[in-house]
PDB file of N, CA and C in Angstrom:
ATOM      1  N   UNK A   1       0.992  -1.277   0.007  1.00  0.00           N
ATOM      2  CA  UNK A   1       0.143   0.084   0.030  1.00  0.00           C
ATOM      3  C   UNK A   1       0.806   1.263   0.052  1.00  0.00           C
ATOM      4  N   UNK A   2       0.636   2.158  -0.802  1.00  0.00           N
ATOM      5  CA  UNK A   2       1.249   3.158  -0.839  1.00  0.00           C
ATOM      6  C   UNK A   2       0.807   4.556  -0.043  1.00  0.00           C
ATOM      7  N   UNK A   3       1.445   5.136   0.445  1.00  0.00           N
ATOM      8  CA  UNK A   3       0.988   6.599   1.351  1.00  0.00           C
ATOM      9  C   UNK A   3       1.530   7.724   0.761  1.00  0.00           C
ATOM     10  N   UNK A   4       0.590   8.576   0.664  1.00  0.00           N
ATOM     11  CA  UNK A   4       1.006  10.224   0.433  1.00  0.00           C
ATOM     12  C   UNK A   4       0.648  11.075   1.099  1.00  0.00           C
ATOM     13  N   UNK A   5       1.787  12.096   1.390  1.00  0.00           N
ATOM     14  CA  UNK A   5       1.227  12.937   2.496  1.00  0.00           C
ATOM     15  C   UNK A   5       0.308  14.098   1.793  1.00  0.00           C
ATOM     16  N   UNK A   6      -0.787  14.490   2.245  1.00  0.00           N
ATOM     17  CA  UNK A   6      -1.898  15.391   1.623  1.00  0.00           C
ATOM     18  C   UNK A   6      -1.431  16.683   1.406  1.00  0.00           C
ATOM     19  N   UNK A   7      -0.474  17.043   2.312  1.00  0.00           N
ATOM     20  CA  UNK A   7       0.300  18.807   2.157  1.00  0.00           C
ATOM     21  C   UNK A   7       1.333  18.810   1.059  1.00  0.00           C
ATOM     22  N   UNK A   8       1.749  17.647   0.488  1.00  0.00           N
ATOM     23  CA  UNK A   8       2.700  17.905  -0.449  1.00  0.00           C
ATOM     24  C   UNK A   8       2.654  16.859  -1.720  1.00  0.00           C
ATOM     25  N   UNK A   9       1.214  16.516  -1.638  1.00  0.00           N
ATOM     26  CA  UNK A   9       0.903  15.511  -2.541  1.00  0.00           C
ATOM     27  C   UNK A   9       0.388  16.211  -3.920  1.00  0.00           C
ATOM     28  N   UNK A  10       0.718  16.098  -5.462  1.00  0.00           N
ATOM     29  CA  UNK A  10       0.237  16.819  -6.403  1.00  0.00           C
ATOM     30  C   UNK A  10      -1.087  16.798  -6.391  1.00  0.00           C
ATOM     31  N   UNK A  11      -1.966  16.066  -5.889  1.00  0.00           N
ATOM     32  CA  UNK A  11      -3.387  16.288  -5.917  1.00  0.00           C
ATOM     33  C   UNK A  11      -3.904  16.856  -4.638  1.00  0.00           C
ATOM     34  N   UNK A  12      -3.260  17.849  -3.739  1.00  0.00           N
ATOM     35  CA  UNK A  12      -3.353  18.371  -2.781  1.00  0.00           C
ATOM     36  C   UNK A  12      -4.690  19.364  -2.964  1.00  0.00           C
ATOM     37  N   UNK A  13      -4.887  20.044  -4.049  1.00  0.00           N
ATOM     38  CA  UNK A  13      -5.664  20.930  -4.335  1.00  0.00           C
ATOM     39  C   UNK A  13      -7.390  20.263  -4.385  1.00  0.00           C
ATOM     40  N   UNK A  14      -6.997  18.998  -5.233  1.00  0.00           N
ATOM     41  CA  UNK A  14      -8.526  18.239  -5.307  1.00  0.00           C
ATOM     42  C   UNK A  14      -8.828  17.540  -3.693  1.00  0.00           C
ATOM     43  N   UNK A  15      -7.823  17.217  -3.092  1.00  0.00           N
ATOM     44  CA  UNK A  15      -8.041  16.958  -1.802  1.00  0.00           C
ATOM     45  C   UNK A  15      -8.754  17.757  -1.033  1.00  0.00           C
ATOM     46  N   UNK A  16      -8.029  19.091  -0.863  1.00  0.00           N
ATOM     47  CA  UNK A  16      -8.584  19.941   0.038  1.00  0.00           C
ATOM     48  C   UNK A  16      -9.968  20.393  -0.573  1.00  0.00           C
ATOM     49  N   UNK A  17     -10.268  20.270  -1.490  1.00  0.00           N
ATOM     50  CA  UNK A  17     -11.785  20.710  -1.931  1.00  0.00           C
ATOM     51  C   UNK A  17     -12.404  19.712  -1.444  1.00  0.00           C
ATOM     52  N   UNK A  18     -12.426  18.457  -1.791  1.00  0.00           N
ATOM     53  CA  UNK A  18     -13.397  17.414  -1.400  1.00  0.00           C
ATOM     54  C   UNK A  18     -13.324  16.887   0.295  1.00  0.00           C
ATOM     55  N   UNK A  19     -11.891  17.202   0.870  1.00  0.00           N
ATOM     56  CA  UNK A  19     -11.933  16.596   2.077  1.00  0.00           C
ATOM     57  C   UNK A  19     -13.040  16.957   3.130  1.00  0.00           C
ATOM     58  N   UNK A  20     -13.711  18.288   3.266  1.00  0.00           N
ATOM     59  CA  UNK A  20     -14.530  18.564   4.098  1.00  0.00           C
ATOM     60  C   UNK A  20     -15.988  18.599   3.728  1.00  0.00           C
ATOM     61  N   UNK A  21     -15.891  17.813   2.538  1.00  0.00           N
ATOM     62  CA  UNK A  21     -17.479  17.825   1.671  1.00  0.00           C
ATOM     63  C   UNK A  21     -18.527  16.839   2.741  1.00  0.00           C
ATOM     64  N   UNK A  22     -19.592  16.950   2.712  1.00  0.00           N
ATOM     65  CA  UNK A  22     -20.570  16.031   3.637  1.00  0.00           C
ATOM     66  C   UNK A  22     -20.594  14.668   3.056  1.00  0.00           C
ATOM     67  N   UNK A  23     -20.620  14.895   1.584  1.00  0.00           N
ATOM     68  CA  UNK A  23     -20.696  13.404   0.663  1.00  0.00           C
ATOM     69  C   UNK A  23     -19.834  13.675  -0.373  1.00  0.00           C
ATOM     70  N   UNK A  24     -18.337  13.289  -0.014  1.00  0.00           N
ATOM     71  CA  UNK A  24     -17.161  13.665  -0.780  1.00  0.00           C
ATOM     72  C   UNK A  24     -17.241  12.594  -2.146  1.00  0.00           C
ATOM     73  N   UNK A  25     -18.302  12.321  -3.066  1.00  0.00           N
ATOM     74  CA  UNK A  25     -18.373  11.190  -3.819  1.00  0.00           C
ATOM     75  C   UNK A  25     -18.720  12.029  -5.305  1.00  0.00           C
ATOM     76  N   UNK A  26     -18.423  11.270  -6.304  1.00  0.00           N
ATOM     77  CA  UNK A  26     -18.517  11.696  -7.501  1.00  0.00           C
ATOM     78  C   UNK A  26     -19.274  10.733  -8.364  1.00  0.00           C
ATOM     79  N   UNK A  27     -20.475  10.995  -9.021  1.00  0.00           N
ATOM     80  CA  UNK A  27     -21.132  10.109  -9.953  1.00  0.00           C
ATOM     81  C   UNK A  27     -21.259  10.729 -11.328  1.00  0.00           C
ATOM     82  N   UNK A  28     -21.116   9.760 -12.408  1.00  0.00           N
ATOM     83  CA  UNK A  28     -21.094   9.968 -13.596  1.00  0.00           C
ATOM     84  C   UNK A  28     -22.233   9.103 -14.371  1.00  0.00           C
ATOM     85  N   UNK A  29     -22.778   9.700 -15.493  1.00  0.00           N
ATOM     86  CA  UNK A  29     -23.705   8.775 -16.423  1.00  0.00           C
ATOM     87  C   UNK A  29     -23.246   8.857 -17.700  1.00  0.00           C
ATOM     88  N   UNK A  30     -22.866   8.026 -18.472  1.00  0.00           N
ATOM     89  CA  UNK A  30     -22.521   7.733 -19.586  1.00  0.00           C
ATOM     90  C   UNK A  30     -23.219   6.564 -20.434  1.00  0.00           C
ATOM     91  N   UNK A  31     -23.318   6.650 -21.611  1.00  0.00           N
ATOM     92  CA  UNK A  31     -23.695   5.716 -22.563  1.00  0.00           C
ATOM     93  C   UNK A  31     -22.752   5.030 -22.994  1.00  0.00           C
ATOM     94  N   UNK A  32     -22.781   3.398 -23.002  1.00  0.00           N
ATOM     95  CA  UNK A  32     -21.729   2.802 -23.519  1.00  0.00           C
ATOM     96  C   UNK A  32     -22.360   1.496 -24.065  1.00  0.00           C
ATOM     97  N   UNK A  33     -21.735   0.745 -24.840  1.00  0.00           N
ATOM     98  CA  UNK A  33     -22.354  -0.218 -25.848  1.00  0.00           C
ATOM     99  C   UNK A  33     -21.694  -1.735 -24.865  1.00  0.00           C
ATOM    100  N   UNK A  34     -22.413  -2.596 -24.431  1.00  0.00           N
ATOM    101  CA  UNK A  34     -22.358  -3.348 -23.742  1.00  0.00           C
ATOM    102  C   UNK A  34     -22.316  -4.706 -24.563  1.00  0.00           C
ATOM    103  N   UNK A  35     -22.537  -4.658 -25.874  1.00  0.00           N
ATOM    104  CA  UNK A  35     -22.607  -5.733 -26.747  1.00  0.00           C
ATOM    105  C   UNK A  35     -21.786  -6.896 -26.741  1.00  0.00           C
ATOM    106  N   UNK A  36     -20.449  -6.410 -26.327  1.00  0.00           N
ATOM    107  CA  UNK A  36     -19.245  -7.661 -26.042  1.00  0.00           C
ATOM    108  C   UNK A  36     -19.774  -8.482 -24.735  1.00  0.00           C
ATOM    109  N   UNK A  37     -20.215  -7.648 -23.642  1.00  0.00           N
ATOM    110  CA  UNK A  37     -20.491  -8.551 -22.539  1.00  0.00           C
ATOM    111  C   UNK A  37     -21.662  -9.317 -22.984  1.00  0.00           C
ATOM    112  N   UNK A  38     -22.570  -8.860 -23.616  1.00  0.00           N
ATOM    113  CA  UNK A  38     -23.919  -9.694 -23.968  1.00  0.00           C
ATOM    114  C   UNK A  38     -23.518 -10.813 -24.674  1.00  0.00           C
ATOM    115  N   UNK A  39     -22.491 -10.556 -25.760  1.00  0.00           N
ATOM    116  CA  UNK A  39     -22.091 -11.892 -26.678  1.00  0.00           C
ATOM    117  C   UNK A  39     -21.274 -13.079 -25.730  1.00  0.00           C
ATOM    118  N   UNK A  40     -20.490 -12.482 -24.307  1.00  0.00           N
ATOM    119  CA  UNK A  40     -19.985 -13.236 -23.570  1.00  0.00           C
ATOM    120  C   UNK A  40     -20.934 -14.074 -22.927  1.00  0.00           C
ATOM    121  N   UNK A  41     -22.223 -13.484 -22.307  1.00  0.00           N
ATOM    122  CA  UNK A  41     -23.273 -13.983 -21.759  1.00  0.00           C
ATOM    123  C   UNK A  41     -23.737 -15.037 -22.309  1.00  0.00           C
ATOM    124  N   UNK A  42     -24.072 -14.941 -23.866  1.00  0.00           N
ATOM    125  CA  UNK A  42     -24.537 -15.727 -24.615  1.00  0.00           C
ATOM    126  C   UNK A  42     -24.048 -17.144 -24.747  1.00  0.00           C
ATOM    127  N   UNK A  43     -22.676 -16.953 -24.442  1.00  0.00           N
ATOM    128  CA  UNK A  43     -21.798 -18.133 -24.645  1.00  0.00           C
ATOM    129  C   UNK A  43     -21.612 -18.978 -23.106  1.00  0.00           C
ATOM    130  N   UNK A  44     -22.121 -18.346 -22.031  1.00  0.00           N
ATOM    131  CA  UNK A  44     -22.217 -18.896 -20.678  1.00  0.00           C
ATOM    132  C   UNK A  44     -23.310 -18.489 -20.177  1.00  0.00           C
ATOM    133  N   UNK A  45     -23.498 -18.932 -18.741  1.00  0.00           N
ATOM    134  CA  UNK A  45     -25.045 -18.594 -18.360  1.00  0.00           C
ATOM    135  C   UNK A  45     -24.834 -17.309 -17.188  1.00  0.00           C
ATOM    136  N   UNK A  46     -23.736 -16.627 -17.483  1.00  0.00           N
ATOM    137  CA  UNK A  46     -23.642 -15.552 -16.561  1.00  0.00           C
ATOM    138  C   UNK A  46     -24.790 -14.235 -16.718  1.00  0.00           C
ATOM    139  N   UNK A  47     -25.132 -13.456 -15.925  1.00  0.00           N
ATOM    140  CA  UNK A  47     -26.004 -12.593 -15.973  1.00  0.00           C
ATOM    141  C   UNK A  47     -25.237 -11.066 -16.068  1.00  0.00           C
ATOM    142  N   UNK A  48     -25.726 -10.485 -17.104  1.00  0.00           N
ATOM    143  CA  UNK A  48     -25.229  -8.975 -17.515  1.00  0.00           C
ATOM    144  C   UNK A  48     -24.569  -8.178 -16.236  1.00  0.00           C
ATOM    145  N   UNK A  49     -25.396  -8.182 -15.060  1.00  0.00           N
ATOM    146  CA  UNK A  49     -25.043  -7.068 -13.962  1.00  0.00           C
ATOM    147  C   UNK A  49     -23.499  -7.713 -13.658  1.00  0.00           C
ATOM    148  N   UNK A  50     -23.381  -8.934 -13.236  1.00  0.00           N
ATOM    149  CA  UNK A  50     -22.002  -9.284 -12.765  1.00  0.00           C
ATOM    150  C   UNK A  50     -20.956  -9.205 -13.861  1.00  0.00           C
ATOM    151  N   UNK A  51     -21.363  -9.342 -15.076  1.00  0.00           N
ATOM    152  CA  UNK A  51     -20.423  -9.133 -16.164  1.00  0.00           C
ATOM    153  C   UNK A  51     -19.955  -7.451 -16.278  1.00  0.00           C
ATOM    154  N   UNK A  52     -20.995  -6.838 -16.189  1.00  0.00           N
ATOM    155  CA  UNK A  52     -20.631  -5.523 -16.237  1.00  0.00           C
ATOM    156  C   UNK A  52     -19.747  -4.774 -14.699  1.00  0.00           C
ATOM    157  N   UNK A  53     -20.274  -5.538 -13.808  1.00  0.00           N
ATOM    158  CA  UNK A  53     -19.540  -5.095 -12.440  1.00  0.00           C
ATOM    159  C   UNK A  53     -17.917  -5.346 -12.480  1.00  0.00           C
ATOM    160  N   UNK A  54     -17.797  -6.565 -12.956  1.00  0.00           N
ATOM    161  CA  UNK A  54     -16.575  -7.381 -12.858  1.00  0.00           C
ATOM    162  C   UNK A  54     -15.752  -6.355 -13.887  1.00  0.00           C
ATOM    163  N   UNK A  55     -16.246  -5.918 -15.293  1.00  0.00           N
ATOM    164  CA  UNK A  55     -15.291  -5.216 -16.207  1.00  0.00           C
ATOM    165  C   UNK A  55     -15.317  -3.673 -15.650  1.00  0.00           C
ATOM    166  N   UNK A  56     -16.103  -3.262 -15.097  1.00  0.00           N
ATOM    167  CA  UNK A  56     -16.097  -1.731 -14.488  1.00  0.00           C
ATOM    168  C   UNK A  56     -15.308  -1.998 -13.342  1.00  0.00           C
ATOM    169  N   UNK A  57     -15.031  -3.075 -12.484  1.00  0.00           N
ATOM    170  CA  UNK A  57     -13.927  -3.148 -11.239  1.00  0.00           C
ATOM    171  C   UNK A  57     -12.796  -3.236 -11.891  1.00  0.00           C
ATOM    172  N   UNK A  58     -12.457  -4.204 -13.086  1.00  0.00           N
ATOM    173  CA  UNK A  58     -11.176  -4.226 -13.820  1.00  0.00           C
ATOM    174  C   UNK A  58     -10.778  -2.800 -14.220  1.00  0.00           C
ATOM    175  N   UNK A  59     -11.831  -2.136 -14.670  1.00  0.00           N
ATOM    176  CA  UNK A  59     -11.400  -0.572 -15.368  1.00  0.00           C
ATOM    177  C   UNK A  59     -10.786   0.098 -14.291  1.00  0.00           C
ATOM    178  N   UNK A  60     -11.771   0.293 -13.161  1.00  0.00           N
ATOM    179  CA  UNK A  60     -11.446   0.961 -11.972  1.00  0.00           C
ATOM    180  C   UNK A  60     -10.127   0.750 -11.496  1.00  0.00           C
ATOM    181  N   UNK A  61      -9.566  -0.519 -11.269  1.00  0.00           N
ATOM    182  CA  UNK A  61      -8.218  -0.570 -10.598  1.00  0.00           C
ATOM    183  C   UNK A  61      -7.301  -0.525 -11.624  1.00  0.00           C
ATOM    184  N   UNK A  62      -7.438  -0.176 -12.565  1.00  0.00           N
ATOM    185  CA  UNK A  62      -6.369   0.284 -13.505  1.00  0.00           C
ATOM    186  C   UNK A  62      -6.235   1.881 -13.391  1.00  0.00           C
ATOM    187  N   UNK A  63      -6.571   2.811 -12.517  1.00  0.00           N
ATOM    188  CA  UNK A  63      -6.645   3.863 -12.366  1.00  0.00           C
ATOM    189  C   UNK A  63      -6.214   4.230 -10.855  1.00  0.00           C
ATOM    190  N   UNK A  64      -4.925   4.655 -10.812  1.00  0.00           N
ATOM    191  CA  UNK A  64      -4.570   4.735  -9.470  1.00  0.00           C
ATOM    192  C   UNK A  64      -5.253   5.735  -8.565  1.00  0.00           C
ATOM    193  N   UNK A  65      -5.896   6.980  -8.900  1.00  0.00           N
ATOM    194  CA  UNK A  65      -6.821   7.738  -8.347  1.00  0.00           C
ATOM    195  C   UNK A  65      -7.971   7.225  -7.605  1.00  0.00           C
ATOM    196  N   UNK A  66      -8.743   6.050  -8.512  1.00  0.00           N
ATOM    197  CA  UNK A  66      -9.561   5.543  -8.010  1.00  0.00           C
ATOM    198  C   UNK A  66      -9.412   4.361  -6.823  1.00  0.00           C
ATOM    199  N   UNK A  67      -7.995   4.131  -6.505  1.00  0.00           N
ATOM    200  CA  UNK A  67      -7.827   3.348  -5.498  1.00  0.00           C
ATOM    201  C   UNK A  67      -7.293   3.777  -4.314  1.00  0.00           C
ATOM    202  N   UNK A  68      -7.245   5.181  -4.327  1.00  0.00           N
ATOM    203  CA  UNK A  68      -6.902   5.950  -3.192  1.00  0.00           C
ATOM    204  C   UNK A  68      -8.047   6.204  -2.181  1.00  0.00           C
ATOM    205  N   UNK A  69      -7.584   6.397  -0.886  1.00  0.00           N
ATOM    206  CA  UNK A  69      -8.613   6.351   0.216  1.00  0.00           C
ATOM    207  C   UNK A  69      -7.798   7.427   1.212  1.00  0.00           C
ATOM    208  N   UNK A  70      -8.899   8.137   1.880  1.00  0.00           N
ATOM    209  CA  UNK A  70      -8.201   9.045   3.155  1.00  0.00           C
ATOM    210  C   UNK A  70      -8.313   8.260   4.315  1.00  0.00           C
ATOM    211  N   UNK A  71      -7.242   8.282   5.016  1.00  0.00           N
ATOM    212  CA  UNK A  71      -7.285   7.402   6.322  1.00  0.00           C
ATOM    213  C   UNK A  71      -6.590   8.602   7.388  1.00  0.00           C
ATOM    214  N   UNK A  72      -7.371   8.277   8.644  1.00  0.00           N
ATOM    215  CA  UNK A  72      -6.828   9.141   9.547  1.00  0.00           C
ATOM    216  C   UNK A  72      -6.052   8.304  10.392  1.00  0.00           C
ATOM    217  N   UNK A  73      -4.960   8.948  11.074  1.00  0.00           N
ATOM    218  CA  UNK A  73      -4.190   8.315  11.895  1.00  0.00           C
ATOM    219  C   UNK A  73      -3.532   8.985  12.883  1.00  0.00           C
ATOM    220  N   UNK A  74      -3.788   8.920  14.363  1.00  0.00           N
ATOM    221  CA  UNK A  74      -3.356   9.889  15.096  1.00  0.00           C
ATOM    222  C   UNK A  74      -3.659  11.219  14.981  1.00  0.00           C
ATOM    223  N   UNK A  75      -5.007  11.542  14.350  1.00  0.00           N
ATOM    224  CA  UNK A  75      -5.677  12.888  14.026  1.00  0.00           C
ATOM    225  C   UNK A  75      -4.948  13.508  12.827  1.00  0.00           C
ATOM    226  N   UNK A  76      -4.362  12.862  12.051  1.00  0.00           N
ATOM    227  CA  UNK A  76      -3.589  13.377  10.673  1.00  0.00           C
ATOM    228  C   UNK A  76      -4.070  12.522   9.944  1.00  0.00           C
ATOM    229  N   UNK A  77      -4.629  13.349   8.594  1.00  0.00           N
ATOM    230  CA  UNK A  77      -4.994  12.741   7.349  1.00  0.00           C
ATOM    231  C   UNK A  77      -3.967  11.974   6.612  1.00  0.00           C
ATOM    232  N   UNK A  78      -3.980  10.870   6.140  1.00  0.00           N
ATOM    233  CA  UNK A  78      -3.057  10.349   5.142  1.00  0.00           C
ATOM    234  C   UNK A  78      -3.951   9.904   3.983  1.00  0.00           C
ATOM    235  N   UNK A  79      -3.341   9.707   2.746  1.00  0.00           N
ATOM    236  CA  UNK A  79      -3.787   9.287   1.415  1.00  0.00           C
ATOM    237  C   UNK A  79      -3.200   8.124   1.202  1.00  0.00           C
ATOM    238  N   UNK A  80      -4.026   7.018   1.289  1.00  0.00           N
ATOM    239  CA  UNK A  80      -3.209   5.579   0.901  1.00  0.00           C
ATOM    240  C   UNK A  80      -3.854   5.205  -0.715  1.00  0.00           C
ATOM    241  N   UNK A  81      -2.793   4.322  -1.223  1.00  0.00           N
ATOM    242  CA  UNK A  81      -3.202   4.024  -2.473  1.00  0.00           C
ATOM    243  C   UNK A  81      -3.173   2.524  -2.544  1.00  0.00           C
ATOM    244  N   UNK A  82      -4.169   1.794  -2.433  1.00  0.00           N
ATOM    245  CA  UNK A  82      -4.444   0.350  -2.533  1.00  0.00           C
ATOM    246  C   UNK A  82      -3.929  -0.318  -3.555  1.00  0.00           C
ATOM    247  N   UNK A  83      -3.474  -1.391  -3.954  1.00  0.00           N
ATOM    248  CA  UNK A  83      -3.080  -2.266  -4.766  1.00  0.00           C
ATOM    249  C   UNK A  83      -4.388  -2.502  -5.645  1.00  0.00           C
ATOM    250  N   UNK A  84      -5.474  -2.776  -4.900  1.00  0.00           N
ATOM    251  CA  UNK A  84      -6.655  -3.136  -5.588  1.00  0.00           C
ATOM    252  C   UNK A  84      -7.909  -2.750  -4.662  1.00  0.00           C
ATOM    253  N   UNK A  85      -9.130  -2.386  -5.304  1.00  0.00           N
ATOM    254  CA  UNK A  85     -10.299  -2.150  -4.419  1.00  0.00           C
ATOM    255  C   UNK A  85     -11.366  -2.975  -5.057  1.00  0.00           C
ATOM    256  N   UNK A  86     -12.109  -3.584  -3.739  1.00  0.00           N
ATOM    257  CA  UNK A  86     -13.412  -4.375  -4.270  1.00  0.00           C
ATOM    258  C   UNK A  86     -14.545  -3.425  -4.437  1.00  0.00           C
ATOM    259  N   UNK A  87     -15.312  -3.771  -5.338  1.00  0.00           N
ATOM    260  CA  UNK A  87     -16.704  -2.898  -5.453  1.00  0.00           C
ATOM    261  C   UNK A  87     -17.807  -3.036  -4.470  1.00  0.00           C
ATOM    262  N   UNK A  88     -18.495  -2.202  -4.051  1.00  0.00           N
ATOM    263  CA  UNK A  88     -19.669  -2.117  -3.186  1.00  0.00           C
ATOM    264  C   UNK A  88     -20.806  -1.510  -3.942  1.00  0.00           C
ATOM    265  N   UNK A  89     -21.840  -2.162  -3.830  1.00  0.00           N
ATOM    266  CA  UNK A  89     -22.786  -1.715  -4.591  1.00  0.00           C
ATOM    267  C   UNK A  89     -24.409  -2.097  -3.999  1.00  0.00           C
ATOM    268  N   UNK A  90     -25.433  -1.729  -4.609  1.00  0.00           N
ATOM    269  CA  UNK A  90     -26.621  -1.802  -4.016  1.00  0.00           C
ATOM    270  C   UNK A  90     -27.252  -3.093  -4.890  1.00  0.00           C
ATOM    271  N   UNK A  91     -28.214  -4.008  -4.472  1.00  0.00           N
ATOM    272  CA  UNK A  91     -28.908  -5.063  -5.224  1.00  0.00           C
ATOM    273  C   UNK A  91     -30.452  -5.099  -4.845  1.00  0.00           C
ATOM    274  N   UNK A  92     -31.435  -5.155  -5.593  1.00  0.00           N
ATOM    275  CA  UNK A  92     -32.659  -5.224  -5.193  1.00  0.00           C
ATOM    276  C   UNK A  92     -32.963  -6.472  -4.418  1.00  0.00           C
ATOM    277  N   UNK A  93     -33.723  -6.571  -3.333  1.00  0.00           N
ATOM    278  CA  UNK A  93     -33.916  -7.545  -2.645  1.00  0.00           C
ATOM    279  C   UNK A  93     -35.681  -7.889  -2.725  1.00  0.00           C
ATOM    280  N   UNK A  94     -36.308  -6.948  -3.253  1.00  0.00           N
ATOM    281  CA  UNK A  94     -37.484  -7.297  -3.503  1.00  0.00           C
ATOM    282  C   UNK A  94     -38.431  -6.152  -3.898  1.00  0.00           C
ATOM    283  N   UNK A  95     -39.548  -5.875  -4.001  1.00  0.00           N
ATOM    284  CA  UNK A  95     -40.277  -4.924  -4.715  1.00  0.00           C
ATOM    285  C   UNK A  95     -39.883  -3.366  -4.126  1.00  0.00           C
ATOM    286  N   UNK A  96     -39.806  -3.318  -2.777  1.00  0.00           N
ATOM    287  CA  UNK A  96     -39.125  -2.047  -2.165  1.00  0.00           C
ATOM    288  C   UNK A  96     -38.350  -2.367  -1.248  1.00  0.00           C
ATOM    289  N   UNK A  97     -37.361  -2.969  -1.413  1.00  0.00           N
ATOM    290  CA  UNK A  97     -36.072  -3.596  -0.723  1.00  0.00           C
ATOM    291  C   UNK A  97     -34.858  -3.423  -1.450  1.00  0.00           C
ATOM    292  N   UNK A  98     -33.747  -3.165  -0.621  1.00  0.00           N
ATOM    293  CA  UNK A  98     -32.552  -3.537  -1.538  1.00  0.00           C
ATOM    294  C   UNK A  98     -31.406  -3.753  -0.108  1.00  0.00           C
ATOM    295  N   UNK A  99     -30.270  -4.356  -0.944  1.00  0.00           N
ATOM    296  CA  UNK A  99     -29.292  -4.667   0.088  1.00  0.00           C
ATOM    297  C   UNK A  99     -28.087  -4.068  -0.425  1.00  0.00           C
ATOM    298  N   UNK A 100     -27.008  -3.867   0.720  1.00  0.00           N
ATOM    299  CA  UNK A 100     -26.048  -3.280   0.092  1.00  0.00           C
ATOM    300  C   UNK A 100     -25.113  -4.537   0.102  1.00  0.00           C
ATOM    301  N   UNK A 101     -23.895  -4.798  -1.060  1.00  0.00           N
ATOM    302  CA  UNK A 101     -23.330  -5.981  -1.079  1.00  0.00           C
ATOM    303  C   UNK A 101     -21.801  -5.437  -1.555  1.00  0.00           C
ATOM    304  N   UNK A 102     -20.891  -6.306  -1.147  1.00  0.00           N
ATOM    305  CA  UNK A 102     -19.454  -6.130  -1.560  1.00  0.00           C
ATOM    306  C   UNK A 102     -18.955  -7.629  -2.316  1.00  0.00           C
ATOM    307  N   UNK A 103     -18.274  -7.820  -3.066  1.00  0.00           N
ATOM    308  CA  UNK A 103     -17.496  -8.511  -3.668  1.00  0.00           C
ATOM    309  C   UNK A 103     -15.945  -8.483  -3.594  1.00  0.00           C
ATOM    310  N   UNK A 104     -15.275  -9.355  -3.112  1.00  0.00           N
ATOM    311  CA  UNK A 104     -13.906  -9.344  -2.969  1.00  0.00           C
ATOM    312  C   UNK A 104     -13.428  -9.339  -4.737  1.00  0.00           C
ATOM    313  N   UNK A 105     -12.223  -8.399  -4.650  1.00  0.00           N
ATOM    314  CA  UNK A 105     -11.905  -8.249  -6.056  1.00  0.00           C
ATOM    315  C   UNK A 105     -10.117  -8.391  -5.808  1.00  0.00           C
ATOM    316  N   UNK A 106      -9.327  -9.110  -6.589  1.00  0.00           N
ATOM    317  CA  UNK A 106      -9.585  -9.902  -7.791  1.00  0.00           C
ATOM    318  C   UNK A 106      -9.824 -11.312  -7.344  1.00  0.00           C
ATOM    319  N   UNK A 107     -10.734 -11.612  -8.371  1.00  0.00           N
ATOM    320  CA  UNK A 107     -10.943 -13.456  -8.321  1.00  0.00           C
ATOM    321  C   UNK A 107     -11.467 -13.696  -9.692  1.00  0.00           C
ATOM    322  N   UNK A 108     -11.461 -14.969 -10.083  1.00  0.00           N
ATOM    323  CA  UNK A 108     -11.999 -15.503 -11.274  1.00  0.00           C
ATOM    324  C   UNK A 108     -13.408 -14.915 -11.690  1.00  0.00           C
ATOM    325  N   UNK A 109     -13.673 -14.545 -12.880  1.00  0.00           N
ATOM    326  CA  UNK A 109     -14.661 -14.042 -13.195  1.00  0.00           C
ATOM    327  C   UNK A 109     -16.026 -14.851 -12.899  1.00  0.00           C
ATOM    328  N   UNK A 110     -16.126 -16.118 -13.014  1.00  0.00           N
ATOM    329  CA  UNK A 110     -17.117 -17.144 -12.723  1.00  0.00           C
ATOM    330  C   UNK A 110     -17.255 -17.217 -11.235  1.00  0.00           C
ATOM    331  N   UNK A 111     -16.374 -17.137 -10.355  1.00  0.00           N
ATOM    332  CA  UNK A 111     -16.448 -16.885  -8.960  1.00  0.00           C
ATOM    333  C   UNK A 111     -17.090 -15.352  -8.560  1.00  0.00           C
ATOM    334  N   UNK A 112     -16.512 -14.573  -8.980  1.00  0.00           N
ATOM    335  CA  UNK A 112     -16.919 -13.259  -8.847  1.00  0.00           C
ATOM    336  C   UNK A 112     -18.561 -12.911  -9.432  1.00  0.00           C
ATOM    337  N   UNK A 113     -18.863 -13.676 -10.385  1.00  0.00           N
ATOM    338  CA  UNK A 113     -20.280 -13.474 -10.557  1.00  0.00           C
ATOM    339  C   UNK A 113     -21.143 -14.162  -9.798  1.00  0.00           C
ATOM    340  N   UNK A 114     -20.756 -15.430  -9.416  1.00  0.00           N
ATOM    341  CA  UNK A 114     -21.434 -16.102  -8.313  1.00  0.00           C
ATOM    342  C   UNK A 114     -21.596 -15.144  -6.871  1.00  0.00           C
ATOM    343  N   UNK A 115     -20.589 -14.594  -6.593  1.00  0.00           N
ATOM    344  CA  UNK A 115     -20.619 -14.076  -5.313  1.00  0.00           C
ATOM    345  C   UNK A 115     -21.653 -12.943  -5.545  1.00  0.00           C
TER     346      UNK A 115
END
């Protein structure tokens, strides 16, 4: 795990902007083609959501900034960069119910999709 000093880190301005936000998250919406994933699904019994989540997790883990987290130790902030991060997401559990879920990453595609 790599550590960054937030006072000298090249991304310190972005860090300072988001550090005291109530909900320091970013969301995006984009159109993408998942035809390749659907073709893969047709060759196996995998569900599209698991395939998409696996591909998204692989892509996110290739971007160092998406593997970075703020940790507080001895009342001081530290930015750590993990080698890999696992996805956390919401899944529907009934008509008006949902659950939070996480799946360990990395692991083989079929095991990931089953989890």
